[in-house]
Protein backbone atom coordinates (compact mmCIF):
# COMPACT_ATOMS: atom_id res chain seq x y z
CA MET A 1 -6.00 29.89 -42.31
CA LEU A 2 -5.58 26.67 -44.34
CA GLN A 3 -2.72 26.16 -46.79
CA ALA A 4 -1.35 23.26 -48.81
CA LEU A 5 2.34 23.79 -49.57
CA ASP A 6 4.01 21.60 -52.22
CA LEU A 7 2.06 18.51 -51.16
CA HIS A 8 3.29 15.16 -52.45
CA LYS A 9 1.83 11.79 -51.50
CA THR A 10 3.27 8.45 -52.54
CA TYR A 11 1.68 5.09 -51.77
CA PHE A 12 3.18 1.66 -52.30
CA MET A 13 1.33 -1.31 -53.77
CA GLY A 14 3.86 -4.07 -53.38
CA LYS A 15 6.93 -2.70 -55.10
CA GLU A 16 4.97 -0.25 -57.23
CA GLU A 17 4.99 3.42 -56.29
CA ILE A 18 1.70 5.30 -56.72
CA HIS A 19 2.19 9.07 -56.85
CA ALA A 20 -1.25 10.31 -55.75
CA LEU A 21 -0.23 13.98 -55.39
CA LYS A 22 2.64 15.73 -57.13
CA GLY A 23 3.24 19.15 -55.66
CA ILE A 24 -0.10 20.73 -54.74
CA THR A 25 0.11 24.30 -53.48
CA PHE A 26 -3.11 26.12 -52.68
CA SER A 27 -4.46 28.61 -50.13
CA PHE A 28 -8.03 28.18 -48.92
CA GLU A 29 -9.87 31.36 -48.04
CA THR A 30 -12.70 32.00 -45.60
CA GLU A 31 -16.09 32.77 -47.14
CA THR A 32 -15.12 30.55 -50.08
CA MET A 33 -16.35 27.19 -51.32
CA SER A 34 -13.68 25.44 -53.41
CA ALA A 35 -14.53 22.40 -55.53
CA PHE A 36 -11.81 20.00 -56.68
CA VAL A 37 -12.93 18.05 -59.72
CA GLY A 38 -11.22 15.47 -61.89
CA PRO A 39 -11.32 11.83 -62.94
CA SER A 40 -11.06 8.95 -60.48
CA GLY A 41 -7.47 8.58 -59.33
CA SER A 42 -6.65 12.25 -59.84
CA GLY A 43 -5.85 12.75 -56.14
CA LYS A 44 -9.01 14.45 -54.82
CA SER A 45 -9.60 12.18 -51.83
CA SER A 46 -5.89 12.02 -51.03
CA LEU A 47 -5.79 15.81 -50.89
CA LEU A 48 -8.73 15.99 -48.45
CA HIS A 49 -7.15 13.35 -46.21
CA LEU A 50 -3.96 15.42 -46.01
CA LEU A 51 -5.85 18.64 -45.34
CA ALA A 52 -7.65 16.91 -42.46
CA GLY A 53 -4.48 15.42 -41.01
CA ILE A 54 -5.90 11.89 -41.41
CA ASP A 55 -2.86 11.10 -43.53
CA LEU A 56 0.51 12.83 -43.67
CA PRO A 57 2.29 14.02 -46.82
CA THR A 58 5.34 12.28 -48.20
CA LYS A 59 6.68 15.77 -48.86
CA GLY A 60 5.32 19.26 -48.23
CA GLU A 61 3.16 20.69 -45.46
CA VAL A 62 -0.39 21.56 -44.48
CA HIS A 63 -0.66 24.72 -42.40
CA LEU A 64 -3.72 25.33 -40.25
CA ASN A 65 -3.85 28.57 -38.25
CA GLY A 66 -0.08 28.86 -38.44
CA LYS A 67 0.58 25.28 -37.28
CA THR A 68 1.98 22.46 -39.39
CA LEU A 69 -0.29 19.42 -39.10
CA SER A 70 2.59 16.98 -39.58
CA GLY A 71 4.25 18.59 -36.55
CA LEU A 72 1.35 17.57 -34.29
CA SER A 73 0.90 14.23 -32.59
CA GLU A 74 -1.90 11.93 -33.71
CA ALA A 75 -3.90 12.84 -30.60
CA GLU A 76 -3.44 16.55 -31.33
CA ARG A 77 -4.56 16.08 -34.92
CA THR A 78 -7.64 14.23 -33.66
CA ARG A 79 -8.50 17.18 -31.43
CA VAL A 80 -8.05 19.55 -34.37
CA ARG A 81 -10.52 17.51 -36.41
CA LEU A 82 -13.01 17.42 -33.55
CA ARG A 83 -13.03 21.17 -33.00
CA GLN A 84 -11.96 22.79 -36.26
CA ILE A 85 -12.73 20.46 -39.18
CA GLY A 86 -16.05 18.96 -40.23
CA LEU A 87 -15.48 15.85 -42.34
CA VAL A 88 -17.96 14.33 -44.76
CA PHE A 89 -16.77 10.91 -45.90
CA GLN A 90 -17.68 9.27 -49.18
CA ARG A 91 -18.77 6.10 -47.34
CA PHE A 92 -20.64 7.85 -44.49
CA PHE A 93 -19.00 5.92 -41.58
CA LEU A 94 -22.13 6.13 -39.47
CA LEU A 95 -22.11 3.93 -36.36
CA PRO A 96 -24.67 1.19 -37.06
CA TYR A 97 -25.81 0.75 -33.44
CA LEU A 98 -26.64 4.45 -33.01
CA THR A 99 -29.75 6.22 -34.25
CA ALA A 100 -29.58 9.11 -36.71
CA GLU A 101 -29.95 11.54 -33.82
CA GLU A 102 -27.20 9.84 -31.81
CA ASN A 103 -24.82 9.77 -34.79
CA ILE A 104 -25.25 13.53 -35.25
CA GLU A 105 -24.90 14.15 -31.51
CA LEU A 106 -21.71 12.09 -31.12
CA PRO A 107 -19.16 14.84 -31.99
CA LEU A 108 -20.87 17.16 -29.50
CA LEU A 109 -20.61 14.49 -26.81
CA GLU A 110 -16.91 13.94 -27.60
CA ALA A 111 -16.33 17.70 -27.39
CA GLY A 112 -17.85 17.81 -23.90
CA VAL A 113 -20.90 19.90 -24.81
CA LYS A 114 -23.59 19.87 -22.11
CA ARG A 115 -26.60 17.63 -22.67
CA GLN A 116 -29.22 20.37 -23.11
CA GLU A 117 -27.08 22.21 -25.67
CA ARG A 118 -26.27 18.92 -27.47
CA LYS A 119 -29.93 18.07 -27.83
CA LYS A 120 -30.80 21.56 -29.06
CA ARG A 121 -28.05 21.56 -31.70
CA THR A 122 -28.90 18.04 -32.86
CA ARG A 123 -32.56 18.95 -33.31
CA GLU A 124 -31.56 22.04 -35.30
CA LEU A 125 -29.54 19.88 -37.69
CA LEU A 126 -32.27 17.24 -38.01
CA ASN A 127 -34.66 20.04 -38.99
CA LEU A 128 -32.18 21.66 -41.39
CA PHE A 129 -31.74 18.40 -43.31
CA GLU A 130 -35.41 17.35 -43.02
CA LEU A 131 -34.54 14.25 -41.02
CA GLU A 132 -36.93 14.70 -38.08
CA ASN A 133 -38.87 11.57 -39.00
CA ARG A 134 -35.64 9.54 -39.10
CA ALA A 135 -34.26 10.68 -35.73
CA ASN A 136 -34.79 7.30 -34.06
CA HIS A 137 -33.88 5.15 -37.05
CA ARG A 138 -30.57 3.32 -37.33
CA PRO A 139 -28.46 3.45 -40.50
CA TRP A 140 -29.64 0.05 -41.75
CA GLN A 141 -33.25 1.31 -41.62
CA ILE A 142 -32.80 4.31 -43.92
CA SER A 143 -31.84 5.09 -47.52
CA GLY A 144 -28.40 5.94 -48.86
CA GLY A 145 -29.45 9.53 -49.44
CA GLU A 146 -30.65 9.88 -45.85
CA LYS A 147 -27.38 8.41 -44.58
CA GLN A 148 -25.52 11.02 -46.62
CA ARG A 149 -27.57 13.85 -45.10
CA ILE A 150 -26.94 12.47 -41.60
CA ALA A 151 -23.21 12.34 -42.33
CA ILE A 152 -23.22 15.98 -43.43
CA ALA A 153 -25.25 17.03 -40.39
CA ARG A 154 -22.77 15.21 -38.13
CA ALA A 155 -19.88 17.08 -39.78
CA LEU A 156 -21.56 20.39 -38.90
CA ALA A 157 -22.41 19.48 -35.30
CA ASN A 158 -19.56 21.37 -33.59
CA ASN A 159 -19.88 24.32 -35.98
CA PRO A 160 -16.33 23.91 -37.31
CA PRO A 161 -14.68 26.73 -39.28
CA ILE A 162 -13.57 24.26 -42.00
CA ILE A 163 -15.74 21.77 -43.90
CA LEU A 164 -14.03 19.06 -46.00
CA ALA A 165 -16.45 16.97 -48.03
CA ASP A 166 -15.58 13.96 -50.20
CA GLU A 167 -18.39 13.41 -52.74
CA PRO A 168 -21.01 14.90 -50.37
CA THR A 169 -23.87 14.36 -52.83
CA GLY A 170 -22.85 10.99 -54.23
CA GLU A 171 -26.02 9.28 -52.95
CA LEU A 172 -28.45 12.17 -53.43
CA ASP A 173 -31.02 12.94 -56.09
CA GLU A 174 -30.97 16.17 -58.10
CA ALA A 175 -33.20 18.13 -55.71
CA ASN A 176 -31.21 17.17 -52.61
CA THR A 177 -27.91 17.76 -54.43
CA LYS A 178 -28.97 21.32 -55.14
CA ARG A 179 -30.16 21.78 -51.55
CA ILE A 180 -26.92 20.48 -50.03
CA GLY A 181 -24.94 22.69 -52.41
CA THR A 182 -26.93 25.71 -51.22
CA ILE A 183 -26.34 24.81 -47.56
CA LEU A 184 -22.59 24.43 -48.11
CA LYS A 185 -22.39 27.68 -50.07
CA ASN A 186 -24.29 29.51 -47.32
CA LEU A 187 -21.84 28.12 -44.75
CA ALA A 188 -19.01 29.62 -46.79
CA LYS A 189 -20.83 32.96 -46.91
CA GLU A 190 -21.04 32.85 -43.11
CA GLY A 191 -17.24 32.80 -42.96
CA LYS A 192 -16.27 29.15 -43.20
CA ILE A 193 -13.79 27.43 -45.51
CA VAL A 194 -15.61 24.76 -47.54
CA VAL A 195 -13.63 22.32 -49.68
CA LEU A 196 -15.29 19.69 -51.87
CA ALA A 197 -14.00 16.75 -53.86
CA THR A 198 -16.67 15.87 -56.38
CA HIS A 199 -17.51 14.34 -59.73
CA ASN A 200 -20.79 16.25 -59.76
CA LEU A 201 -20.38 19.24 -62.08
CA GLU A 202 -23.74 20.69 -61.03
CA LEU A 203 -22.53 20.80 -57.43
CA ALA A 204 -19.12 22.14 -58.46
CA GLN A 205 -20.76 25.00 -60.35
CA GLN A 206 -22.20 26.27 -57.05
CA ALA A 207 -18.67 26.77 -55.70
CA ASN A 208 -16.82 30.08 -55.77
CA GLN A 209 -13.89 28.39 -57.49
CA VAL A 210 -13.47 25.12 -59.35
CA ILE A 211 -10.03 23.50 -59.47
CA LEU A 212 -9.24 20.69 -61.90
CA LEU A 213 -6.98 17.92 -60.62
CA ARG A 214 -5.43 15.52 -63.07
CA ASP A 215 -2.74 12.95 -62.35
CA GLY A 216 -2.06 14.45 -58.92
CA LYS A 217 -1.54 18.01 -60.15
CA ILE A 218 -3.63 21.15 -60.44
CA GLU A 219 -4.23 21.48 -64.18
CA LYS A 220 -5.85 24.88 -64.10
CA LYS A 221 -7.49 27.25 -61.65
């Protein structure tokens, strides 16, 4: 369903070439949570951006349901992310003028889901992440950990078959880290593909498979 085939990514800083990824090949299975771990600069975030079609590889391909993401237009890749990929960003990217409830509801609105169904799904997610008492708060009124939980809830709004999460527990305490790990693992058990980039070894240990990235390469599986 989701495959990375010989992925390379090169960035330029002035005249300097930065080789973020150097030939990543990996198949992601349903009912599996995969955790990519490694030091800063090892290529974890770059890999997730390529898998989501946010960025395109310098060389190689990402296949999703038999389609090559680099062969799609930017608008088509945006639609793929809306319907098929739930993204959890390291920096949240919550809209500051929307409440917690409205931030979670936004992907449903963009997908054209009817109002009654949107409200029902949003309330389910607020309850799942114990955010009911923050529903009408805006991001500047809540803690970093609560923002992280809102960001994860938003990623799940359209019930996507693929979850890509970049440091999903970076702002959470130990108890909430364990809880989020359990939620993500249960989503995998329900048939989703869950892919994490994380420094948190406790979270990684909850995954079905842990993959070490170092210097843009898979060091061991």
